[in-house]
Amino acid sequence: MFLRRLSPLAVIAAIALTTVLATAQISDDVQHVRFTEDVVALEYVGNVNNSGANSSQFGYFSFVTQLPAFNGTPEDAAHANFTFFTGTVTQRVTTNGTLRIVDRTGTTTVYLATLPPTFADPDSFRSGIPIQVSTMQQQVILDTTTGDFSVVNVNTVTDASTFSLAGQDYQLGKPGDRFRTLLRGKTNAAPPPGFFMAGYAVGVGKN
């Protein structure tokens, strides 16, 4: 009876308002994991394999802000909730004494693990459900005398999908979020893998 007394425009407005409220309720059920500026958001453990101009960088997160990084013990790759796989292409190589500076661009995908990954099979780190994609700019500085290297990545999130963990829905960042990753590593004397690495990421704000 109430809708009969409303004009057609009022009915449309009432339906639209109901839809907005319902959508807002759904959005409220998703917990957004934020990349707060200068606060550690992720900690990495990984390996690197290079082939010509291409570099594959893969592993798992030993810490994820606001989320459990592992689903059991020991806290290793096999029990990681989240894995990553980065594919990059070398844009420039500069030599300065014993230092080799490599600039790369690429894409990083974060996965919700569905099977236990293992470093014996690099592709196992991208066998889960993709939950975040980001573009990346990378600089690597390698000391050719010691095999030690450092890495700085700047990632910009281009896509983030909702996922469920322990009965709660989450989203790892939002498109436009940026984070800076600082890594250190060592050349493997008997590859594969070519290199071992570890480090952390902090938020750097939006574009």
N, C-alpha and C. Protein backbone atom coordinates (compact mmCIF):
# COMPACT_ATOMS: atom_id res chain seq x y z
N MET A 1 0.83 -1.20 0.00
CA MET A 1 0.00 0.00 0.00
C MET A 1 0.86 1.26 0.00
N PHE A 2 1.98 1.19 0.73
CA PHE A 2 2.85 2.36 0.84
C PHE A 2 3.46 2.70 -0.52
N LEU A 3 3.96 1.65 -1.25
CA LEU A 3 4.60 1.89 -2.54
C LEU A 3 3.59 2.43 -3.56
N ARG A 4 2.30 2.03 -3.43
CA ARG A 4 1.29 2.51 -4.36
C ARG A 4 1.10 4.02 -4.26
N ARG A 5 1.35 4.60 -3.07
CA ARG A 5 1.15 6.03 -2.88
C ARG A 5 2.35 6.85 -3.32
N LEU A 6 3.51 6.15 -3.65
CA LEU A 6 4.71 6.85 -4.07
C LEU A 6 4.72 7.01 -5.58
N SER A 7 5.35 8.10 -6.02
CA SER A 7 5.52 8.29 -7.46
C SER A 7 6.53 7.29 -7.99
N PRO A 8 6.54 7.01 -9.29
CA PRO A 8 7.52 6.08 -9.86
C PRO A 8 8.96 6.44 -9.52
N LEU A 9 9.29 7.75 -9.55
CA LEU A 9 10.66 8.17 -9.22
C LEU A 9 11.00 7.86 -7.77
N ALA A 10 10.02 8.05 -6.88
CA ALA A 10 10.26 7.77 -5.46
C ALA A 10 10.48 6.29 -5.23
N VAL A 11 9.72 5.45 -5.97
CA VAL A 11 9.90 4.00 -5.85
C VAL A 11 11.30 3.60 -6.27
N ILE A 12 11.75 4.15 -7.42
CA ILE A 12 13.10 3.84 -7.91
C ILE A 12 14.15 4.28 -6.90
N ALA A 13 13.96 5.46 -6.30
CA ALA A 13 14.92 5.96 -5.32
C ALA A 13 14.96 5.06 -4.09
N ALA A 14 13.80 4.60 -3.65
CA ALA A 14 13.74 3.73 -2.48
C ALA A 14 14.44 2.40 -2.74
N ILE A 15 14.23 1.84 -3.95
CA ILE A 15 14.90 0.58 -4.31
C ILE A 15 16.41 0.78 -4.37
N ALA A 16 16.84 1.91 -4.96
CA ALA A 16 18.28 2.18 -5.08
C ALA A 16 18.92 2.31 -3.71
N LEU A 17 18.21 3.01 -2.78
CA LEU A 17 18.74 3.17 -1.43
C LEU A 17 18.89 1.83 -0.73
N THR A 18 17.90 0.96 -0.91
CA THR A 18 17.97 -0.37 -0.31
C THR A 18 19.15 -1.16 -0.84
N THR A 19 19.40 -1.04 -2.16
CA THR A 19 20.52 -1.73 -2.78
C THR A 19 21.85 -1.22 -2.24
N VAL A 20 21.97 0.11 -2.11
CA VAL A 20 23.20 0.70 -1.58
C VAL A 20 23.47 0.21 -0.17
N LEU A 21 22.42 0.21 0.66
CA LEU A 21 22.60 -0.22 2.05
C LEU A 21 23.01 -1.69 2.11
N ALA A 22 22.42 -2.51 1.25
CA ALA A 22 22.76 -3.93 1.24
C ALA A 22 24.21 -4.11 0.81
N THR A 23 24.63 -3.34 -0.21
CA THR A 23 26.02 -3.43 -0.69
C THR A 23 26.98 -2.99 0.40
N ALA A 24 26.62 -1.91 1.11
CA ALA A 24 27.48 -1.42 2.19
C ALA A 24 27.65 -2.48 3.26
N GLN A 25 26.56 -3.21 3.56
CA GLN A 25 26.63 -4.26 4.57
C GLN A 25 27.58 -5.36 4.14
N ILE A 26 27.50 -5.73 2.83
CA ILE A 26 28.41 -6.75 2.31
C ILE A 26 29.85 -6.28 2.43
N SER A 27 30.09 -4.99 2.06
CA SER A 27 31.44 -4.45 2.13
C SER A 27 31.97 -4.46 3.56
N ASP A 28 31.08 -4.17 4.53
CA ASP A 28 31.50 -4.14 5.92
C ASP A 28 31.95 -5.51 6.41
N ASP A 29 31.50 -6.57 5.75
CA ASP A 29 31.88 -7.92 6.16
C ASP A 29 33.29 -8.29 5.73
N VAL A 30 33.89 -7.49 4.84
CA VAL A 30 35.24 -7.76 4.34
C VAL A 30 36.23 -6.92 5.14
N GLN A 31 37.21 -7.58 5.74
CA GLN A 31 38.25 -6.87 6.49
C GLN A 31 39.39 -6.53 5.55
N HIS A 32 39.64 -5.25 5.37
CA HIS A 32 40.69 -4.81 4.47
C HIS A 32 42.02 -4.72 5.21
N VAL A 33 43.00 -5.43 4.71
CA VAL A 33 44.35 -5.39 5.27
C VAL A 33 45.07 -4.21 4.64
N ARG A 34 45.46 -3.27 5.46
CA ARG A 34 46.02 -2.01 4.95
C ARG A 34 47.55 -2.01 4.99
N PHE A 35 48.13 -1.30 4.03
CA PHE A 35 49.57 -1.09 3.98
C PHE A 35 49.86 0.29 4.56
N THR A 36 50.01 0.35 5.86
CA THR A 36 50.22 1.62 6.54
C THR A 36 51.63 2.13 6.26
N GLU A 37 51.74 3.41 6.01
CA GLU A 37 53.02 4.00 5.64
C GLU A 37 54.07 3.78 6.73
N ASP A 38 55.24 3.27 6.31
CA ASP A 38 56.40 3.04 7.17
C ASP A 38 56.16 2.00 8.27
N VAL A 39 55.14 1.18 8.13
CA VAL A 39 54.87 0.09 9.07
C VAL A 39 55.06 -1.24 8.33
N VAL A 40 55.78 -2.17 8.96
CA VAL A 40 56.04 -3.46 8.31
C VAL A 40 54.72 -4.19 8.05
N ALA A 41 54.50 -4.55 6.78
CA ALA A 41 53.26 -5.23 6.39
C ALA A 41 53.50 -6.69 6.03
N LEU A 42 54.67 -6.99 5.47
CA LEU A 42 54.99 -8.33 5.00
C LEU A 42 56.44 -8.65 5.30
N GLU A 43 56.73 -9.94 5.56
CA GLU A 43 58.10 -10.41 5.65
C GLU A 43 58.26 -11.59 4.69
N TYR A 44 59.34 -11.55 3.91
CA TYR A 44 59.55 -12.48 2.81
C TYR A 44 60.63 -13.52 3.12
N VAL A 45 60.43 -14.73 2.61
CA VAL A 45 61.47 -15.75 2.54
C VAL A 45 61.37 -16.33 1.13
N GLY A 46 62.48 -16.29 0.37
CA GLY A 46 62.34 -16.72 -1.01
C GLY A 46 63.63 -17.11 -1.70
N ASN A 47 63.45 -17.53 -2.94
CA ASN A 47 64.55 -17.91 -3.83
C ASN A 47 64.42 -17.13 -5.13
N VAL A 48 65.52 -17.13 -5.89
CA VAL A 48 65.55 -16.44 -7.18
C VAL A 48 66.21 -17.34 -8.21
N ASN A 49 65.62 -17.39 -9.40
CA ASN A 49 66.24 -18.06 -10.54
C ASN A 49 66.26 -17.07 -11.71
N ASN A 50 67.45 -16.88 -12.30
CA ASN A 50 67.59 -15.98 -13.45
C ASN A 50 67.85 -16.79 -14.71
N SER A 51 67.30 -16.30 -15.81
CA SER A 51 67.53 -16.91 -17.12
C SER A 51 67.58 -15.80 -18.15
N GLY A 52 68.80 -15.44 -18.56
CA GLY A 52 68.95 -14.31 -19.47
C GLY A 52 68.44 -13.04 -18.84
N ALA A 53 67.56 -12.34 -19.55
CA ALA A 53 67.00 -11.09 -19.04
C ALA A 53 65.85 -11.31 -18.07
N ASN A 54 65.40 -12.55 -17.93
CA ASN A 54 64.24 -12.86 -17.09
C ASN A 54 64.67 -13.33 -15.70
N SER A 55 63.89 -12.93 -14.71
CA SER A 55 64.16 -13.35 -13.33
C SER A 55 62.85 -13.78 -12.68
N SER A 56 62.85 -14.97 -12.08
CA SER A 56 61.71 -15.48 -11.32
C SER A 56 62.06 -15.44 -9.84
N GLN A 57 61.20 -14.81 -9.05
CA GLN A 57 61.44 -14.62 -7.61
C GLN A 57 60.21 -15.12 -6.88
N PHE A 58 60.38 -16.07 -5.97
CA PHE A 58 59.23 -16.78 -5.42
C PHE A 58 59.51 -17.19 -3.98
N GLY A 59 58.41 -17.41 -3.23
CA GLY A 59 58.56 -17.83 -1.84
C GLY A 59 57.28 -17.64 -1.07
N TYR A 60 57.42 -17.38 0.23
CA TYR A 60 56.25 -17.24 1.10
C TYR A 60 56.46 -16.10 2.07
N PHE A 61 55.36 -15.70 2.72
CA PHE A 61 55.42 -14.65 3.73
C PHE A 61 55.50 -15.29 5.12
N SER A 62 56.51 -14.90 5.88
CA SER A 62 56.63 -15.37 7.27
C SER A 62 55.91 -14.45 8.24
N PHE A 63 55.44 -13.31 7.74
CA PHE A 63 54.63 -12.38 8.53
C PHE A 63 53.72 -11.63 7.57
N VAL A 64 52.44 -11.51 7.95
CA VAL A 64 51.47 -10.71 7.20
C VAL A 64 50.68 -9.91 8.22
N THR A 65 50.73 -8.59 8.13
CA THR A 65 50.04 -7.77 9.11
C THR A 65 48.56 -8.10 9.16
N GLN A 66 48.02 -8.25 10.37
CA GLN A 66 46.60 -8.50 10.65
C GLN A 66 46.13 -9.90 10.26
N LEU A 67 47.04 -10.77 9.79
CA LEU A 67 46.63 -12.10 9.34
C LEU A 67 47.60 -13.16 9.84
N PRO A 68 47.14 -14.41 10.05
CA PRO A 68 48.05 -15.49 10.40
C PRO A 68 48.86 -15.92 9.18
N ALA A 69 50.17 -15.91 9.30
CA ALA A 69 51.03 -16.25 8.17
C ALA A 69 51.11 -17.76 7.95
N PHE A 70 50.85 -18.56 9.01
CA PHE A 70 51.00 -20.01 8.91
C PHE A 70 49.74 -20.72 9.38
N ASN A 71 49.57 -21.94 8.90
CA ASN A 71 48.41 -22.76 9.29
C ASN A 71 48.81 -23.94 10.15
N GLY A 72 50.02 -23.92 10.69
CA GLY A 72 50.48 -25.01 11.56
C GLY A 72 51.94 -24.85 11.86
N THR A 73 52.54 -25.89 12.38
CA THR A 73 53.97 -25.88 12.69
C THR A 73 54.64 -27.06 12.00
N PRO A 74 55.95 -26.95 11.71
CA PRO A 74 56.79 -25.77 11.92
C PRO A 74 56.40 -24.62 10.99
N GLU A 75 56.86 -23.43 11.32
CA GLU A 75 56.53 -22.26 10.50
C GLU A 75 57.48 -22.20 9.31
N ASP A 76 57.12 -22.95 8.30
CA ASP A 76 57.96 -23.06 7.10
C ASP A 76 57.10 -22.95 5.86
N ALA A 77 57.72 -23.17 4.69
CA ALA A 77 57.00 -23.02 3.43
C ALA A 77 55.78 -23.92 3.34
N ALA A 78 55.91 -25.14 3.83
CA ALA A 78 54.82 -26.12 3.72
C ALA A 78 53.58 -25.70 4.48
N HIS A 79 53.73 -24.83 5.50
CA HIS A 79 52.60 -24.41 6.32
C HIS A 79 52.23 -22.93 6.10
N ALA A 80 52.78 -22.34 5.04
CA ALA A 80 52.51 -20.92 4.78
C ALA A 80 51.10 -20.73 4.22
N ASN A 81 50.41 -19.72 4.71
CA ASN A 81 49.09 -19.38 4.17
C ASN A 81 49.18 -18.57 2.88
N PHE A 82 50.31 -17.85 2.70
CA PHE A 82 50.43 -16.95 1.57
C PHE A 82 51.77 -17.15 0.86
N THR A 83 51.73 -17.20 -0.46
CA THR A 83 52.94 -17.31 -1.26
C THR A 83 52.97 -16.17 -2.28
N PHE A 84 54.13 -15.96 -2.89
CA PHE A 84 54.26 -14.94 -3.92
C PHE A 84 55.10 -15.47 -5.07
N PHE A 85 54.85 -14.93 -6.23
CA PHE A 85 55.65 -15.26 -7.41
C PHE A 85 55.79 -13.99 -8.24
N THR A 86 57.04 -13.60 -8.50
CA THR A 86 57.34 -12.38 -9.26
C THR A 86 58.07 -12.75 -10.54
N GLY A 87 57.59 -12.22 -11.65
CA GLY A 87 58.29 -12.35 -12.91
C GLY A 87 58.78 -10.99 -13.36
N THR A 88 60.08 -10.87 -13.64
CA THR A 88 60.63 -9.57 -14.02
C THR A 88 61.47 -9.70 -15.29
N VAL A 89 61.70 -8.55 -15.92
CA VAL A 89 62.56 -8.45 -17.10
C VAL A 89 63.59 -7.36 -16.83
N THR A 90 64.85 -7.66 -17.09
CA THR A 90 65.93 -6.69 -16.88
C THR A 90 65.86 -5.57 -17.90
N GLN A 91 65.91 -4.33 -17.39
CA GLN A 91 65.88 -3.15 -18.26
C GLN A 91 67.26 -2.53 -18.45
N ARG A 92 68.11 -2.70 -17.43
CA ARG A 92 69.42 -2.06 -17.51
C ARG A 92 70.37 -2.72 -16.52
N VAL A 93 71.65 -2.87 -16.91
CA VAL A 93 72.70 -3.39 -16.01
C VAL A 93 73.84 -2.39 -16.02
N THR A 94 74.26 -1.97 -14.83
CA THR A 94 75.35 -1.01 -14.68
C THR A 94 76.42 -1.61 -13.79
N THR A 95 77.68 -1.46 -14.18
CA THR A 95 78.80 -1.95 -13.37
C THR A 95 79.53 -0.77 -12.74
N ASN A 96 79.80 -0.89 -11.45
CA ASN A 96 80.55 0.12 -10.72
C ASN A 96 81.54 -0.60 -9.81
N GLY A 97 82.77 -0.76 -10.28
CA GLY A 97 83.76 -1.52 -9.53
C GLY A 97 83.32 -2.97 -9.41
N THR A 98 83.22 -3.46 -8.18
CA THR A 98 82.79 -4.85 -7.96
C THR A 98 81.27 -4.97 -7.84
N LEU A 99 80.57 -3.84 -7.98
CA LEU A 99 79.11 -3.86 -7.87
C LEU A 99 78.45 -3.98 -9.24
N ARG A 100 77.41 -4.79 -9.29
CA ARG A 100 76.57 -4.90 -10.49
C ARG A 100 75.17 -4.41 -10.12
N ILE A 101 74.71 -3.37 -10.77
CA ILE A 101 73.40 -2.78 -10.46
C ILE A 101 72.44 -3.18 -11.58
N VAL A 102 71.37 -3.87 -11.20
CA VAL A 102 70.40 -4.39 -12.17
C VAL A 102 69.04 -3.74 -11.91
N ASP A 103 68.49 -3.10 -12.95
CA ASP A 103 67.16 -2.50 -12.86
C ASP A 103 66.19 -3.36 -13.64
N ARG A 104 65.05 -3.71 -12.99
CA ARG A 104 64.06 -4.58 -13.60
C ARG A 104 62.65 -4.01 -13.40
N THR A 105 61.74 -4.45 -14.24
CA THR A 105 60.31 -4.21 -14.05
C THR A 105 59.59 -5.55 -14.14
N GLY A 106 58.43 -5.65 -13.49
CA GLY A 106 57.72 -6.92 -13.52
C GLY A 106 56.40 -6.87 -12.79
N THR A 107 55.88 -8.05 -12.52
CA THR A 107 54.59 -8.21 -11.87
C THR A 107 54.70 -9.23 -10.75
N THR A 108 54.13 -8.89 -9.59
CA THR A 108 54.09 -9.80 -8.45
C THR A 108 52.65 -10.25 -8.21
N THR A 109 52.47 -11.55 -8.04
CA THR A 109 51.16 -12.09 -7.68
C THR A 109 51.26 -12.76 -6.32
N VAL A 110 50.32 -12.44 -5.43
CA VAL A 110 50.24 -13.07 -4.11
C VAL A 110 49.12 -14.11 -4.17
N TYR A 111 49.38 -15.28 -3.57
CA TYR A 111 48.43 -16.38 -3.60
C TYR A 111 48.04 -16.82 -2.20
N LEU A 112 46.79 -17.23 -2.05
CA LEU A 112 46.35 -17.96 -0.87
C LEU A 112 46.67 -19.43 -1.14
N ALA A 113 47.57 -19.99 -0.34
CA ALA A 113 48.05 -21.34 -0.60
C ALA A 113 46.93 -22.36 -0.45
N THR A 114 46.85 -23.28 -1.40
CA THR A 114 45.87 -24.36 -1.34
C THR A 114 46.54 -25.72 -1.18
N LEU A 115 47.81 -25.82 -1.55
CA LEU A 115 48.63 -27.02 -1.37
C LEU A 115 49.96 -26.59 -0.78
N PRO A 116 50.62 -27.45 -0.01
CA PRO A 116 51.90 -27.07 0.58
C PRO A 116 52.95 -26.79 -0.50
N PRO A 117 53.47 -25.56 -0.59
CA PRO A 117 54.50 -25.26 -1.58
C PRO A 117 55.86 -25.80 -1.12
N THR A 118 56.77 -25.97 -2.06
CA THR A 118 58.12 -26.43 -1.74
C THR A 118 59.11 -25.75 -2.68
N PHE A 119 60.26 -25.38 -2.15
CA PHE A 119 61.27 -24.73 -2.98
C PHE A 119 61.85 -25.67 -4.02
N ALA A 120 61.62 -26.97 -3.86
CA ALA A 120 62.05 -27.93 -4.88
C ALA A 120 61.25 -27.77 -6.17
N ASP A 121 60.07 -27.13 -6.07
CA ASP A 121 59.20 -26.91 -7.23
C ASP A 121 58.76 -25.45 -7.22
N PRO A 122 59.51 -24.56 -7.89
CA PRO A 122 59.17 -23.13 -7.87
C PRO A 122 57.74 -22.84 -8.27
N ASP A 123 57.19 -23.59 -9.22
CA ASP A 123 55.81 -23.33 -9.66
C ASP A 123 54.78 -23.61 -8.58
N SER A 124 55.16 -24.37 -7.54
CA SER A 124 54.20 -24.64 -6.45
C SER A 124 53.85 -23.37 -5.69
N PHE A 125 54.68 -22.32 -5.82
CA PHE A 125 54.40 -21.07 -5.13
C PHE A 125 53.37 -20.21 -5.88
N ARG A 126 52.95 -20.67 -7.05
CA ARG A 126 51.86 -19.99 -7.76
C ARG A 126 50.74 -20.96 -8.10
N SER A 127 50.57 -21.96 -7.27
CA SER A 127 49.52 -22.96 -7.50
C SER A 127 48.26 -22.68 -6.68
N GLY A 128 48.29 -21.62 -5.86
CA GLY A 128 47.14 -21.31 -5.02
C GLY A 128 46.14 -20.41 -5.71
N ILE A 129 45.34 -19.71 -4.91
CA ILE A 129 44.32 -18.78 -5.43
C ILE A 129 44.91 -17.38 -5.46
N PRO A 130 44.99 -16.75 -6.63
CA PRO A 130 45.55 -15.38 -6.69
C PRO A 130 44.64 -14.39 -5.95
N ILE A 131 45.23 -13.62 -5.04
CA ILE A 131 44.43 -12.67 -4.26
C ILE A 131 44.92 -11.23 -4.40
N GLN A 132 46.09 -11.04 -4.99
CA GLN A 132 46.58 -9.68 -5.21
C GLN A 132 47.58 -9.69 -6.37
N VAL A 133 47.51 -8.64 -7.20
CA VAL A 133 48.46 -8.45 -8.30
C VAL A 133 49.00 -7.03 -8.20
N SER A 134 50.31 -6.88 -8.41
CA SER A 134 50.91 -5.55 -8.39
C SER A 134 52.01 -5.45 -9.43
N THR A 135 52.16 -4.25 -9.99
CA THR A 135 53.30 -3.99 -10.85
C THR A 135 54.49 -3.62 -9.97
N MET A 136 55.69 -3.83 -10.47
CA MET A 136 56.87 -3.65 -9.62
C MET A 136 58.02 -3.04 -10.40
N GLN A 137 58.73 -2.14 -9.72
CA GLN A 137 60.02 -1.64 -10.21
C GLN A 137 61.07 -2.09 -9.21
N GLN A 138 62.19 -2.62 -9.71
CA GLN A 138 63.17 -3.27 -8.84
C GLN A 138 64.59 -2.80 -9.17
N GLN A 139 65.37 -2.60 -8.10
CA GLN A 139 66.81 -2.38 -8.25
C GLN A 139 67.55 -3.40 -7.40
N VAL A 140 68.48 -4.12 -8.01
CA VAL A 140 69.31 -5.10 -7.32
C VAL A 140 70.75 -4.60 -7.36
N ILE A 141 71.44 -4.65 -6.22
CA ILE A 141 72.86 -4.31 -6.17
C ILE A 141 73.61 -5.54 -5.67
N LEU A 142 74.41 -6.14 -6.56
CA LEU A 142 75.14 -7.38 -6.27
C LEU A 142 76.63 -7.08 -6.12
N ASP A 143 77.22 -7.54 -5.02
CA ASP A 143 78.67 -7.49 -4.84
C ASP A 143 79.24 -8.75 -5.47
N THR A 144 79.92 -8.60 -6.60
CA THR A 144 80.39 -9.77 -7.34
C THR A 144 81.54 -10.49 -6.66
N THR A 145 82.16 -9.85 -5.66
CA THR A 145 83.27 -10.52 -4.95
C THR A 145 82.77 -11.40 -3.82
N THR A 146 81.66 -11.05 -3.21
CA THR A 146 81.15 -11.82 -2.07
C THR A 146 79.89 -12.62 -2.41
N GLY A 147 79.19 -12.22 -3.48
CA GLY A 147 77.91 -12.86 -3.81
C GLY A 147 76.74 -12.33 -3.01
N ASP A 148 76.99 -11.32 -2.15
CA ASP A 148 75.91 -10.70 -1.38
C ASP A 148 75.17 -9.68 -2.26
N PHE A 149 73.86 -9.54 -2.01
CA PHE A 149 73.12 -8.54 -2.77
C PHE A 149 72.02 -7.93 -1.91
N SER A 150 71.57 -6.75 -2.34
CA SER A 150 70.42 -6.09 -1.71
C SER A 150 69.45 -5.72 -2.82
N VAL A 151 68.16 -5.61 -2.43
CA VAL A 151 67.09 -5.34 -3.40
C VAL A 151 66.14 -4.31 -2.82
N VAL A 152 65.71 -3.39 -3.67
CA VAL A 152 64.62 -2.48 -3.33
C VAL A 152 63.55 -2.63 -4.41
N ASN A 153 62.33 -2.98 -4.00
CA ASN A 153 61.18 -3.04 -4.91
C ASN A 153 60.16 -1.99 -4.49
N VAL A 154 59.51 -1.40 -5.46
CA VAL A 154 58.32 -0.58 -5.19
C VAL A 154 57.17 -1.18 -5.98
N ASN A 155 56.16 -1.65 -5.26
CA ASN A 155 55.00 -2.29 -5.88
C ASN A 155 53.78 -1.39 -5.80
N THR A 156 52.99 -1.40 -6.86
CA THR A 156 51.70 -0.71 -6.88
C THR A 156 50.61 -1.73 -7.15
N VAL A 157 49.67 -1.86 -6.23
CA VAL A 157 48.61 -2.86 -6.36
C VAL A 157 47.67 -2.47 -7.50
N THR A 158 47.44 -3.42 -8.42
CA THR A 158 46.53 -3.20 -9.53
C THR A 158 45.23 -3.98 -9.38
N ASP A 159 45.25 -5.03 -8.55
CA ASP A 159 44.05 -5.84 -8.36
C ASP A 159 44.13 -6.54 -7.01
N ALA A 160 43.02 -6.60 -6.30
CA ALA A 160 42.94 -7.30 -5.02
C ALA A 160 41.58 -7.98 -4.92
N SER A 161 41.58 -9.29 -4.67
CA SER A 161 40.35 -10.08 -4.62
C SER A 161 40.03 -10.48 -3.19
N THR A 162 38.76 -10.59 -2.89
CA THR A 162 38.33 -11.05 -1.57
C THR A 162 38.62 -12.54 -1.42
N PHE A 163 39.11 -12.93 -0.24
CA PHE A 163 39.38 -14.34 0.05
C PHE A 163 38.95 -14.64 1.48
N SER A 164 38.75 -15.91 1.77
CA SER A 164 38.30 -16.33 3.10
C SER A 164 39.42 -17.08 3.82
N LEU A 165 39.55 -16.78 5.11
CA LEU A 165 40.53 -17.45 5.94
C LEU A 165 39.95 -17.56 7.34
N ALA A 166 39.83 -18.79 7.83
CA ALA A 166 39.28 -19.05 9.17
C ALA A 166 37.90 -18.42 9.35
N GLY A 167 37.08 -18.48 8.30
CA GLY A 167 35.70 -18.00 8.41
C GLY A 167 35.51 -16.51 8.25
N GLN A 168 36.58 -15.76 7.96
CA GLN A 168 36.50 -14.31 7.78
C GLN A 168 36.91 -13.96 6.37
N ASP A 169 36.21 -12.99 5.77
CA ASP A 169 36.58 -12.50 4.44
C ASP A 169 37.57 -11.34 4.56
N TYR A 170 38.61 -11.38 3.71
CA TYR A 170 39.66 -10.37 3.73
C TYR A 170 39.94 -9.87 2.32
N GLN A 171 40.61 -8.72 2.27
CA GLN A 171 41.18 -8.23 1.02
C GLN A 171 42.55 -7.65 1.36
N LEU A 172 43.58 -8.11 0.67
CA LEU A 172 44.95 -7.71 0.95
C LEU A 172 45.28 -6.45 0.16
N GLY A 173 45.03 -5.30 0.78
CA GLY A 173 45.25 -4.03 0.11
C GLY A 173 44.15 -3.70 -0.88
N LYS A 174 44.31 -2.55 -1.54
CA LYS A 174 43.36 -2.09 -2.55
C LYS A 174 44.14 -1.56 -3.75
N PRO A 175 43.52 -1.57 -4.94
CA PRO A 175 44.19 -0.98 -6.09
C PRO A 175 44.64 0.45 -5.79
N GLY A 176 45.88 0.73 -6.16
CA GLY A 176 46.47 2.04 -5.86
C GLY A 176 47.38 2.04 -4.66
N ASP A 177 47.23 1.05 -3.76
CA ASP A 177 48.13 0.94 -2.61
C ASP A 177 49.55 0.67 -3.11
N ARG A 178 50.53 1.21 -2.39
CA ARG A 178 51.93 1.01 -2.76
C ARG A 178 52.70 0.51 -1.55
N PHE A 179 53.68 -0.36 -1.79
CA PHE A 179 54.55 -0.80 -0.71
C PHE A 179 55.98 -0.98 -1.23
N ARG A 180 56.92 -0.72 -0.33
CA ARG A 180 58.35 -0.81 -0.65
C ARG A 180 58.93 -2.04 0.03
N THR A 181 59.64 -2.86 -0.74
CA THR A 181 60.23 -4.07 -0.20
C THR A 181 61.75 -3.93 -0.16
N LEU A 182 62.33 -4.28 0.99
CA LEU A 182 63.78 -4.27 1.18
C LEU A 182 64.22 -5.70 1.43
N LEU A 183 65.10 -6.21 0.56
CA LEU A 183 65.54 -7.60 0.66
C LEU A 183 67.07 -7.67 0.68
N ARG A 184 67.57 -8.71 1.32
CA ARG A 184 69.00 -9.03 1.26
C ARG A 184 69.13 -10.49 0.88
N GLY A 185 70.26 -10.82 0.23
CA GLY A 185 70.39 -12.20 -0.20
C GLY A 185 71.81 -12.61 -0.47
N LYS A 186 71.93 -13.87 -0.90
CA LYS A 186 73.25 -14.48 -1.13
C LYS A 186 73.19 -15.35 -2.37
N THR A 187 74.22 -15.28 -3.18
CA THR A 187 74.34 -16.15 -4.34
C THR A 187 74.55 -17.58 -3.88
N ASN A 188 73.84 -18.50 -4.50
CA ASN A 188 73.99 -19.92 -4.18
C ASN A 188 75.17 -20.49 -4.97
N ALA A 189 76.14 -21.07 -4.26
CA ALA A 189 77.33 -21.62 -4.92
C ALA A 189 77.01 -22.85 -5.75
N ALA A 190 75.89 -23.51 -5.46
CA ALA A 190 75.52 -24.73 -6.19
C ALA A 190 74.04 -24.67 -6.58
N PRO A 191 73.72 -23.82 -7.59
CA PRO A 191 72.32 -23.69 -7.99
C PRO A 191 71.79 -24.97 -8.64
N PRO A 192 70.45 -25.14 -8.72
CA PRO A 192 69.44 -24.15 -8.31
C PRO A 192 69.13 -24.21 -6.82
N PRO A 193 68.51 -23.15 -6.26
CA PRO A 193 68.20 -21.88 -6.93
C PRO A 193 69.46 -21.06 -7.13
N GLY A 194 69.31 -19.98 -7.89
CA GLY A 194 70.46 -19.13 -8.12
C GLY A 194 70.82 -18.28 -6.92
N PHE A 195 69.79 -17.91 -6.14
CA PHE A 195 70.00 -17.00 -5.02
C PHE A 195 68.99 -17.29 -3.91
N PHE A 196 69.40 -16.97 -2.68
CA PHE A 196 68.50 -16.99 -1.52
C PHE A 196 68.25 -15.55 -1.10
N MET A 197 67.01 -15.28 -0.59
CA MET A 197 66.72 -13.90 -0.18
C MET A 197 65.71 -13.89 0.96
N ALA A 198 65.68 -12.77 1.68
CA ALA A 198 64.70 -12.54 2.74
C ALA A 198 64.63 -11.05 2.99
N GLY A 199 63.50 -10.59 3.54
CA GLY A 199 63.35 -9.17 3.83
C GLY A 199 61.94 -8.82 4.23
N TYR A 200 61.59 -7.55 4.07
CA TYR A 200 60.28 -7.08 4.54
C TYR A 200 59.78 -5.95 3.65
N ALA A 201 58.47 -5.65 3.79
CA ALA A 201 57.85 -4.58 3.03
C ALA A 201 57.12 -3.63 3.96
N VAL A 202 57.13 -2.33 3.63
CA VAL A 202 56.38 -1.31 4.37
C VAL A 202 55.51 -0.54 3.39
N GLY A 203 54.39 0.00 3.87
CA GLY A 203 53.53 0.81 3.03
C GLY A 203 54.16 2.14 2.72
N VAL A 204 53.87 2.67 1.51
CA VAL A 204 54.38 3.99 1.13
C VAL A 204 53.24 4.90 0.64
N GLY A 205 51.99 4.52 0.89
CA GLY A 205 50.86 5.36 0.54
C GLY A 205 50.41 5.15 -0.87
N LYS A 206 49.37 5.90 -1.27
CA LYS A 206 48.79 5.77 -2.61
C LYS A 206 49.46 6.72 -3.59
N ASN A 207 49.24 6.45 -4.90
CA ASN A 207 49.72 7.36 -5.92
C ASN A 207 49.01 8.70 -5.84
